[in-house]
C-alpha cells in the first residue's frame, strides 16, 4: 500500500490507536499531519519518532469541544499542502449509563465524536471541490455503533450517528471523495482498568486485535480500490455477531 506523495490528517493521532495509525501511514510513505487535543507531549514525541525514521510529520492542536476549532482545522492543515486523506479518529469514551449521563457529557460526546468529524469532512470535501482532487475519508467507529446497548450511552449514540453520517457522506461527496469506516472491537485494554478477561469471552476470535491489523485495514481503505465507499469494516474479531 503506497501513499508516497500523499498527505493524511489523523485526528487524535498522538496517543493509543491514533498513534499506531499515524505510524502505519508514515511507513507507507505519506506525509502525516497529527492533530492532538491535550496530548502535546505525546504528539511531540511521535513527531520526533516519525522524523527519525525518515518521514515528514506536522502537528496541529485543536479542542474539538469548540466547533470553530474543528471547523478551521482543515484550512490550517492545507498550509502544509494538499490533503489526500482525513482520518476522523479523535473521540472521548466515558462510562456513562442512563442514570449517570448528564447534559454536559451528552453534548461533549456529540461535539467531539460527531460534530467535529462532520465539520472536518465538510471542509475537506469543499477543499477537494476547489481543486478537483480525489480524496479519502475514514471514520473510526465502534462495534457498539451498530449494536447499541445501555452502557456508555452518550458514546454509543454518538458513534451510531457517526456510522449514519459515514453513509450519508459517501453519497454526498461522490464521486471524487470516498467515505468509509472502521469499527473497532477488542483493540486495546480500557484506560479505566475495566474487566479485560470478560471482554475476550465475548469475542469469537478469542484475542485482542493486533495494532498491525489496524494499520493494514486503514491502508486498504486509504490506498485500495476507489470503488469502495459507504462501507464499514468491522475489525472486532466477530464481536458484533454475538
C-alpha atoms as a PDB file:
ATOM      1  CA  UNK A   1       0.000   0.000   0.000  1.00  0.00           C
ATOM      2  CA  UNK A   2       1.885   3.034  -1.296  1.00  0.00           C
ATOM      3  CA  UNK A   3       0.935   6.531  -0.122  1.00  0.00           C
ATOM      4  CA  UNK A   4       4.070   8.334  -1.306  1.00  0.00           C
ATOM      5  CA  UNK A   5       3.349  11.933  -2.171  1.00  0.00           C
ATOM      6  CA  UNK A   6       0.075  11.920  -0.218  1.00  0.00           C
ATOM      7  CA  UNK A   7      -0.757  13.921   2.909  1.00  0.00           C
ATOM      8  CA  UNK A   8      -3.015  12.400   5.546  1.00  0.00           C
ATOM      9  CA  UNK A   9      -4.560  14.223   8.514  1.00  0.00           C
ATOM     10  CA  UNK A  10      -5.224  11.986  11.517  1.00  0.00           C
ATOM     11  CA  UNK A  11      -7.211  13.468  14.377  1.00  0.00           C
ATOM     12  CA  UNK A  12      -6.372  12.247  17.854  1.00  0.00           C
ATOM     13  CA  UNK A  13      -3.174  10.904  16.332  1.00  0.00           C
ATOM     14  CA  UNK A  14      -0.850  11.403  19.272  1.00  0.00           C
ATOM     15  CA  UNK A  15      -1.953   8.557  21.516  1.00  0.00           C
ATOM     16  CA  UNK A  16      -3.196   4.973  21.557  1.00  0.00           C
ATOM     17  CA  UNK A  17      -4.797   3.774  18.308  1.00  0.00           C
ATOM     18  CA  UNK A  18      -4.425   7.130  16.575  1.00  0.00           C
ATOM     19  CA  UNK A  19      -0.696   6.956  17.186  1.00  0.00           C
ATOM     20  CA  UNK A  20      -0.437   3.491  15.633  1.00  0.00           C
ATOM     21  CA  UNK A  21      -2.393   4.662  12.590  1.00  0.00           C
ATOM     22  CA  UNK A  22      -0.079   7.637  12.161  1.00  0.00           C
ATOM     23  CA  UNK A  23       2.896   5.275  12.174  1.00  0.00           C
ATOM     24  CA  UNK A  24       1.285   2.984   9.607  1.00  0.00           C
ATOM     25  CA  UNK A  25       0.527   5.869   7.261  1.00  0.00           C
ATOM     26  CA  UNK A  26       4.057   7.226   7.628  1.00  0.00           C
ATOM     27  CA  UNK A  27       5.564   3.805   6.910  1.00  0.00           C
ATOM     28  CA  UNK A  28       3.505   3.744   3.701  1.00  0.00           C
ATOM     29  CA  UNK A  29       5.283   6.915   2.592  1.00  0.00           C
ATOM     30  CA  UNK A  30       2.681   9.568   3.386  1.00  0.00           C
ATOM     31  CA  UNK A  31       3.216  12.930   5.000  1.00  0.00           C
ATOM     32  CA  UNK A  32       1.376  12.745   8.326  1.00  0.00           C
ATOM     33  CA  UNK A  33      -0.422  15.661   9.932  1.00  0.00           C
ATOM     34  CA  UNK A  34      -1.151  14.721  13.537  1.00  0.00           C
ATOM     35  CA  UNK A  35      -3.929  16.532  15.350  1.00  0.00           C
ATOM     36  CA  UNK A  36      -3.991  16.433  19.130  1.00  0.00           C
ATOM     37  CA  UNK A  37      -6.182  17.931  21.796  1.00  0.00           C
ATOM     38  CA  UNK A  38      -4.365  17.914  25.129  1.00  0.00           C
ATOM     39  CA  UNK A  39      -1.649  15.305  24.454  1.00  0.00           C
ATOM     40  CA  UNK A  40       1.049  17.763  23.409  1.00  0.00           C
ATOM     41  CA  UNK A  41       3.983  15.797  24.827  1.00  0.00           C
ATOM     42  CA  UNK A  42       2.852  12.538  23.243  1.00  0.00           C
ATOM     43  CA  UNK A  43       2.295  14.214  19.876  1.00  0.00           C
ATOM     44  CA  UNK A  44       5.732  15.830  20.004  1.00  0.00           C
ATOM     45  CA  UNK A  45       7.389  12.502  20.783  1.00  0.00           C
ATOM     46  CA  UNK A  46       5.533  10.878  17.893  1.00  0.00           C
ATOM     47  CA  UNK A  47       6.696  13.617  15.521  1.00  0.00           C
ATOM     48  CA  UNK A  48      10.262  13.041  16.601  1.00  0.00           C
ATOM     49  CA  UNK A  49       9.902   9.287  16.191  1.00  0.00           C
ATOM     50  CA  UNK A  50       8.450   9.608  12.690  1.00  0.00           C
ATOM     51  CA  UNK A  51      11.059  12.110  11.544  1.00  0.00           C
ATOM     52  CA  UNK A  52      13.848   9.916  12.920  1.00  0.00           C
ATOM     53  CA  UNK A  53      12.503   7.160  10.664  1.00  0.00           C
ATOM     54  CA  UNK A  54      12.659   9.477   7.638  1.00  0.00           C
ATOM     55  CA  UNK A  55       9.003  10.509   7.478  1.00  0.00           C
ATOM     56  CA  UNK A  56       7.560  14.012   7.265  1.00  0.00           C
ATOM     57  CA  UNK A  57       5.214  14.916  10.132  1.00  0.00           C
ATOM     58  CA  UNK A  58       3.405  18.034  11.262  1.00  0.00           C
ATOM     59  CA  UNK A  59       1.432  18.790  14.432  1.00  0.00           C
ATOM     60  CA  UNK A  60      -1.799  20.745  14.866  1.00  0.00           C
ATOM     61  CA  UNK A  61      -3.618  21.363  18.137  1.00  0.00           C
ATOM     62  CA  UNK A  62      -7.367  21.898  18.377  1.00  0.00           C
ATOM     63  CA  UNK A  63     -10.035  21.474  21.045  1.00  0.00           C
ATOM     64  CA  UNK A  64     -12.909  19.665  19.352  1.00  0.00           C
ATOM     65  CA  UNK A  65     -15.347  20.656  22.075  1.00  0.00           C
ATOM     66  CA  UNK A  66     -15.132  24.057  20.380  1.00  0.00           C
ATOM     67  CA  UNK A  67     -16.826  23.828  16.985  1.00  0.00           C
ATOM     68  CA  UNK A  68     -14.859  26.685  15.455  1.00  0.00           C
ATOM     69  CA  UNK A  69     -11.553  24.994  16.215  1.00  0.00           C
ATOM     70  CA  UNK A  70     -12.746  21.832  14.493  1.00  0.00           C
ATOM     71  CA  UNK A  71     -14.131  23.774  11.533  1.00  0.00           C
ATOM     72  CA  UNK A  72     -10.836  25.589  10.927  1.00  0.00           C
ATOM     73  CA  UNK A  73      -8.500  22.584  11.223  1.00  0.00           C
ATOM     74  CA  UNK A  74      -8.632  21.608   7.538  1.00  0.00           C
ATOM     75  CA  UNK A  75      -7.685  25.115   6.448  1.00  0.00           C
ATOM     76  CA  UNK A  76      -4.734  25.018   8.839  1.00  0.00           C
ATOM     77  CA  UNK A  77      -3.688  21.578   7.555  1.00  0.00           C
ATOM     78  CA  UNK A  78      -3.789  22.815   3.969  1.00  0.00           C
ATOM     79  CA  UNK A  79      -0.979  25.221   4.796  1.00  0.00           C
ATOM     80  CA  UNK A  80       1.293  22.171   4.557  1.00  0.00           C
ATOM     81  CA  UNK A  81      -0.031  21.306   1.089  1.00  0.00           C
ATOM     82  CA  UNK A  82      -2.985  19.483  -0.498  1.00  0.00           C
ATOM     83  CA  UNK A  83      -4.687  16.795   1.591  1.00  0.00           C
ATOM     84  CA  UNK A  84      -5.492  13.350   0.216  1.00  0.00           C
ATOM     85  CA  UNK A  85      -6.875  11.717   3.347  1.00  0.00           C
ATOM     86  CA  UNK A  86      -8.748  12.538   6.538  1.00  0.00           C
ATOM     87  CA  UNK A  87      -8.937  10.021   9.386  1.00  0.00           C
ATOM     88  CA  UNK A  88     -11.510  11.028  11.996  1.00  0.00           C
ATOM     89  CA  UNK A  89     -10.109   9.192  14.996  1.00  0.00           C
ATOM     90  CA  UNK A  90     -10.334  11.663  17.900  1.00  0.00           C
ATOM     91  CA  UNK A  91     -13.017  10.661  20.386  1.00  0.00           C
ATOM     92  CA  UNK A  92     -13.956  10.565  24.041  1.00  0.00           C
ATOM     93  CA  UNK A  93     -15.216   7.400  25.716  1.00  0.00           C
ATOM     94  CA  UNK A  94     -16.811   7.729  29.132  1.00  0.00           C
ATOM     95  CA  UNK A  95     -18.591   5.006  31.071  1.00  0.00           C
ATOM     96  CA  UNK A  96     -21.990   6.635  31.492  1.00  0.00           C
ATOM     97  CA  UNK A  97     -25.397   4.937  31.587  1.00  0.00           C
ATOM     98  CA  UNK A  98     -28.876   6.458  31.592  1.00  0.00           C
ATOM     99  CA  UNK A  99     -28.668   7.324  35.274  1.00  0.00           C
ATOM    100  CA  UNK A 100     -25.208   8.883  35.253  1.00  0.00           C
ATOM    101  CA  UNK A 101     -25.411  10.704  31.907  1.00  0.00           C
ATOM    102  CA  UNK A 102     -25.969  14.437  32.158  1.00  0.00           C
ATOM    103  CA  UNK A 103     -26.466  17.107  29.532  1.00  0.00           C
ATOM    104  CA  UNK A 104     -22.858  18.302  29.698  1.00  0.00           C
ATOM    105  CA  UNK A 105     -21.396  14.873  28.993  1.00  0.00           C
ATOM    106  CA  UNK A 106     -24.064  14.104  26.412  1.00  0.00           C
ATOM    107  CA  UNK A 107     -23.211  17.265  24.481  1.00  0.00           C
ATOM    108  CA  UNK A 108     -19.468  16.767  24.890  1.00  0.00           C
ATOM    109  CA  UNK A 109     -19.634  13.318  23.270  1.00  0.00           C
ATOM    110  CA  UNK A 110     -21.702  14.690  20.392  1.00  0.00           C
ATOM    111  CA  UNK A 111     -19.363  17.660  19.911  1.00  0.00           C
ATOM    112  CA  UNK A 112     -16.170  15.614  19.756  1.00  0.00           C
ATOM    113  CA  UNK A 113     -17.358  12.282  18.311  1.00  0.00           C
ATOM    114  CA  UNK A 114     -19.902  13.534  15.772  1.00  0.00           C
ATOM    115  CA  UNK A 115     -19.915  17.285  15.141  1.00  0.00           C
ATOM    116  CA  UNK A 116     -16.139  17.555  14.714  1.00  0.00           C
ATOM    117  CA  UNK A 117     -15.994  14.748  12.097  1.00  0.00           C
ATOM    118  CA  UNK A 118     -18.899  16.381  10.257  1.00  0.00           C
ATOM    119  CA  UNK A 119     -17.224  19.793  10.162  1.00  0.00           C
ATOM    120  CA  UNK A 120     -13.861  18.312   9.181  1.00  0.00           C
ATOM    121  CA  UNK A 121     -15.391  16.180   6.435  1.00  0.00           C
ATOM    122  CA  UNK A 122     -17.375  19.105   5.079  1.00  0.00           C
ATOM    123  CA  UNK A 123     -14.282  21.333   4.938  1.00  0.00           C
ATOM    124  CA  UNK A 124     -12.181  18.527   3.445  1.00  0.00           C
ATOM    125  CA  UNK A 125     -14.741  17.906   0.702  1.00  0.00           C
ATOM    126  CA  UNK A 126     -15.014  21.625  -0.088  1.00  0.00           C
ATOM    127  CA  UNK A 127     -11.239  21.768  -0.479  1.00  0.00           C
ATOM    128  CA  UNK A 128     -11.310  18.910  -2.999  1.00  0.00           C
ATOM    129  CA  UNK A 129     -14.150  20.633  -4.857  1.00  0.00           C
ATOM    130  CA  UNK A 130     -11.953  23.654  -5.440  1.00  0.00           C
ATOM    131  CA  UNK A 131      -9.120  21.626  -6.944  1.00  0.00           C
ATOM    132  CA  UNK A 132     -10.972  18.675  -8.461  1.00  0.00           C
ATOM    133  CA  UNK A 133      -8.734  16.335  -6.488  1.00  0.00           C
ATOM    134  CA  UNK A 134      -9.683  12.884  -5.224  1.00  0.00           C
ATOM    135  CA  UNK A 135      -9.741  12.169  -1.516  1.00  0.00           C
ATOM    136  CA  UNK A 136     -10.465   9.591   1.156  1.00  0.00           C
ATOM    137  CA  UNK A 137     -12.257   9.993   4.473  1.00  0.00           C
ATOM    138  CA  UNK A 138     -12.071   7.252   7.105  1.00  0.00           C
ATOM    139  CA  UNK A 139     -14.276   7.468  10.199  1.00  0.00           C
ATOM    140  CA  UNK A 140     -13.240   5.439  13.229  1.00  0.00           C
ATOM    141  CA  UNK A 141     -16.249   3.714  14.741  1.00  0.00           C
ATOM    142  CA  UNK A 142     -17.010   1.018  17.301  1.00  0.00           C
ATOM    143  CA  UNK A 143     -18.873  -2.284  17.060  1.00  0.00           C
ATOM    144  CA  UNK A 144     -21.308  -0.760  19.573  1.00  0.00           C
ATOM    145  CA  UNK A 145     -22.404   1.706  16.904  1.00  0.00           C
ATOM    146  CA  UNK A 146     -24.451  -0.949  15.122  1.00  0.00           C
ATOM    147  CA  UNK A 147     -25.431  -2.868  18.265  1.00  0.00           C
ATOM    148  CA  UNK A 148     -26.086  -0.140  20.828  1.00  0.00           C
ATOM    149  CA  UNK A 149     -26.633  -1.070  24.456  1.00  0.00           C
ATOM    150  CA  UNK A 150     -27.310   0.696  27.731  1.00  0.00           C
ATOM    151  CA  UNK A 151     -23.695   1.175  28.776  1.00  0.00           C
ATOM    152  CA  UNK A 152     -21.511   4.053  27.557  1.00  0.00           C
ATOM    153  CA  UNK A 153     -24.741   5.687  26.427  1.00  0.00           C
ATOM    154  CA  UNK A 154     -23.584   9.087  25.067  1.00  0.00           C
ATOM    155  CA  UNK A 155     -20.544   7.472  23.419  1.00  0.00           C
ATOM    156  CA  UNK A 156     -22.591   4.732  21.775  1.00  0.00           C
ATOM    157  CA  UNK A 157     -25.185   7.144  20.435  1.00  0.00           C
ATOM    158  CA  UNK A 158     -22.509   9.465  19.052  1.00  0.00           C
ATOM    159  CA  UNK A 159     -20.782   6.585  17.243  1.00  0.00           C
ATOM    160  CA  UNK A 160     -24.086   5.240  15.898  1.00  0.00           C
ATOM    161  CA  UNK A 161     -24.759   8.687  14.478  1.00  0.00           C
ATOM    162  CA  UNK A 162     -21.241   8.758  13.003  1.00  0.00           C
ATOM    163  CA  UNK A 163     -21.971   5.455  11.259  1.00  0.00           C
ATOM    164  CA  UNK A 164     -25.065   7.029   9.680  1.00  0.00           C
ATOM    165  CA  UNK A 165     -23.041  10.107   8.754  1.00  0.00           C
ATOM    166  CA  UNK A 166     -20.450   7.876   7.072  1.00  0.00           C
ATOM    167  CA  UNK A 167     -23.058   6.501   4.683  1.00  0.00           C
ATOM    168  CA  UNK A 168     -24.661   9.892   4.047  1.00  0.00           C
ATOM    169  CA  UNK A 169     -21.296  11.492   3.326  1.00  0.00           C
ATOM    170  CA  UNK A 170     -20.387   8.688   0.924  1.00  0.00           C
ATOM    171  CA  UNK A 171     -23.310   9.726  -1.256  1.00  0.00           C
ATOM    172  CA  UNK A 172     -22.849  13.459  -0.774  1.00  0.00           C
ATOM    173  CA  UNK A 173     -19.108  13.549  -1.550  1.00  0.00           C
ATOM    174  CA  UNK A 174     -19.125  11.166  -4.532  1.00  0.00           C
ATOM    175  CA  UNK A 175     -17.582  10.655  -6.996  1.00  0.00           C
ATOM    176  CA  UNK A 176     -14.267  12.260  -6.086  1.00  0.00           C
ATOM    177  CA  UNK A 177     -14.183  11.501  -2.356  1.00  0.00           C
ATOM    178  CA  UNK A 178     -14.792   8.109  -0.781  1.00  0.00           C
ATOM    179  CA  UNK A 179     -16.027   7.777   2.799  1.00  0.00           C
ATOM    180  CA  UNK A 180     -15.707   4.564   4.787  1.00  0.00           C
ATOM    181  CA  UNK A 181     -15.487   3.475   8.397  1.00  0.00           C
ATOM    182  CA  UNK A 182     -13.605   1.033  10.585  1.00  0.00           C
ATOM    183  CA  UNK A 183     -15.491  -0.307  13.592  1.00  0.00           C
ATOM    184  CA  UNK A 184     -13.127  -1.475  16.319  1.00  0.00           C
ATOM    185  CA  UNK A 185     -13.798  -4.128  18.909  1.00  0.00           C
ATOM    186  CA  UNK A 186     -11.340  -5.540  21.460  1.00  0.00           C
ATOM    187  CA  UNK A 187      -8.349  -3.481  20.425  1.00  0.00           C
ATOM    188  CA  UNK A 188      -6.641  -2.014  23.488  1.00  0.00           C
ATOM    189  CA  UNK A 189      -7.437  -2.661  27.163  1.00  0.00           C
ATOM    190  CA  UNK A 190      -9.686   0.087  28.580  1.00  0.00           C
ATOM    191  CA  UNK A 191      -7.872   3.002  30.181  1.00  0.00           C
ATOM    192  CA  UNK A 192     -10.240   2.880  33.176  1.00  0.00           C
ATOM    193  CA  UNK A 193      -8.921  -0.557  34.158  1.00  0.00           C
ATOM    194  CA  UNK A 194     -12.173  -2.372  33.423  1.00  0.00           C
ATOM    195  CA  UNK A 195     -12.655  -6.125  33.153  1.00  0.00           C
ATOM    196  CA  UNK A 196     -10.470  -7.331  30.279  1.00  0.00           C
ATOM    197  CA  UNK A 197     -10.949 -11.071  30.692  1.00  0.00           C
ATOM    198  CA  UNK A 198     -14.692 -10.750  30.393  1.00  0.00           C
ATOM    199  CA  UNK A 199     -14.323  -8.809  27.161  1.00  0.00           C
ATOM    200  CA  UNK A 200     -12.450 -11.585  25.380  1.00  0.00           C
ATOM    201  CA  UNK A 201     -15.046 -14.173  26.389  1.00  0.00           C
ATOM    202  CA  UNK A 202     -17.446 -12.360  24.055  1.00  0.00           C
ATOM    203  CA  UNK A 203     -15.019 -12.199  21.106  1.00  0.00           C
ATOM    204  CA  UNK A 204     -15.251 -15.203  18.732  1.00  0.00           C
ATOM    205  CA  UNK A 205     -11.612 -14.700  17.692  1.00  0.00           C
ATOM    206  CA  UNK A 206     -10.641 -15.084  21.350  1.00  0.00           C
ATOM    207  CA  UNK A 207      -7.945 -12.407  21.372  1.00  0.00           C
ATOM    208  CA  UNK A 208      -7.181  -8.716  21.218  1.00  0.00           C
ATOM    209  CA  UNK A 209      -6.599  -7.210  17.801  1.00  0.00           C
ATOM    210  CA  UNK A 210      -3.021  -6.504  16.768  1.00  0.00           C
ATOM    211  CA  UNK A 211      -2.153  -2.882  16.048  1.00  0.00           C
ATOM    212  CA  UNK A 212      -0.619  -4.055  12.769  1.00  0.00           C
ATOM    213  CA  UNK A 213      -4.100  -5.223  11.766  1.00  0.00           C
ATOM    214  CA  UNK A 214      -5.402  -1.710  12.389  1.00  0.00           C
ATOM    215  CA  UNK A 215      -2.744  -0.286  10.097  1.00  0.00           C
ATOM    216  CA  UNK A 216      -3.430  -2.857   7.386  1.00  0.00           C
ATOM    217  CA  UNK A 217      -7.150  -2.079   7.403  1.00  0.00           C
ATOM    218  CA  UNK A 218      -6.584   1.665   7.343  1.00  0.00           C
ATOM    219  CA  UNK A 219      -4.119   1.435   4.457  1.00  0.00           C
ATOM    220  CA  UNK A 220      -6.536  -0.737   2.488  1.00  0.00           C
ATOM    221  CA  UNK A 221      -9.173   1.988   2.686  1.00  0.00           C
ATOM    222  CA  UNK A 222      -6.714   4.819   2.024  1.00  0.00           C
ATOM    223  CA  UNK A 223      -4.765   3.227  -0.827  1.00  0.00           C
ATOM    224  CA  UNK A 224      -7.083   0.485  -2.056  1.00  0.00           C
ATOM    225  CA  UNK A 225      -9.970   0.472  -4.560  1.00  0.00           C
ATOM    226  CA  UNK A 226     -11.720   3.793  -5.055  1.00  0.00           C
ATOM    227  CA  UNK A 227     -14.888   1.886  -5.929  1.00  0.00           C
ATOM    228  CA  UNK A 228     -15.439   1.108  -2.234  1.00  0.00           C
ATOM    229  CA  UNK A 229     -17.415   3.801  -0.447  1.00  0.00           C
ATOM    230  CA  UNK A 230     -20.049   3.924   2.269  1.00  0.00           C
ATOM    231  CA  UNK A 231     -18.747   0.708   3.832  1.00  0.00           C
ATOM    232  CA  UNK A 232     -17.966  -0.062   7.458  1.00  0.00           C
ATOM    233  CA  UNK A 233     -15.361  -2.750   8.112  1.00  0.00           C
ATOM    234  CA  UNK A 234     -15.639  -4.482  11.482  1.00  0.00           C
ATOM    235  CA  UNK A 235     -12.195  -5.035  12.955  1.00  0.00           C
ATOM    236  CA  UNK A 236     -13.586  -6.747  16.045  1.00  0.00           C
ATOM    237  CA  UNK A 237     -12.898 -10.471  15.796  1.00  0.00           C
ATOM    238  CA  UNK A 238     -16.598 -11.113  15.245  1.00  0.00           C
ATOM    239  CA  UNK A 239     -17.734  -9.313  18.420  1.00  0.00           C
ATOM    240  CA  UNK A 240     -20.698  -7.680  16.685  1.00  0.00           C
ATOM    241  CA  UNK A 241     -22.077 -11.094  15.695  1.00  0.00           C
ATOM    242  CA  UNK A 242     -22.726 -12.477  19.180  1.00  0.00           C
END
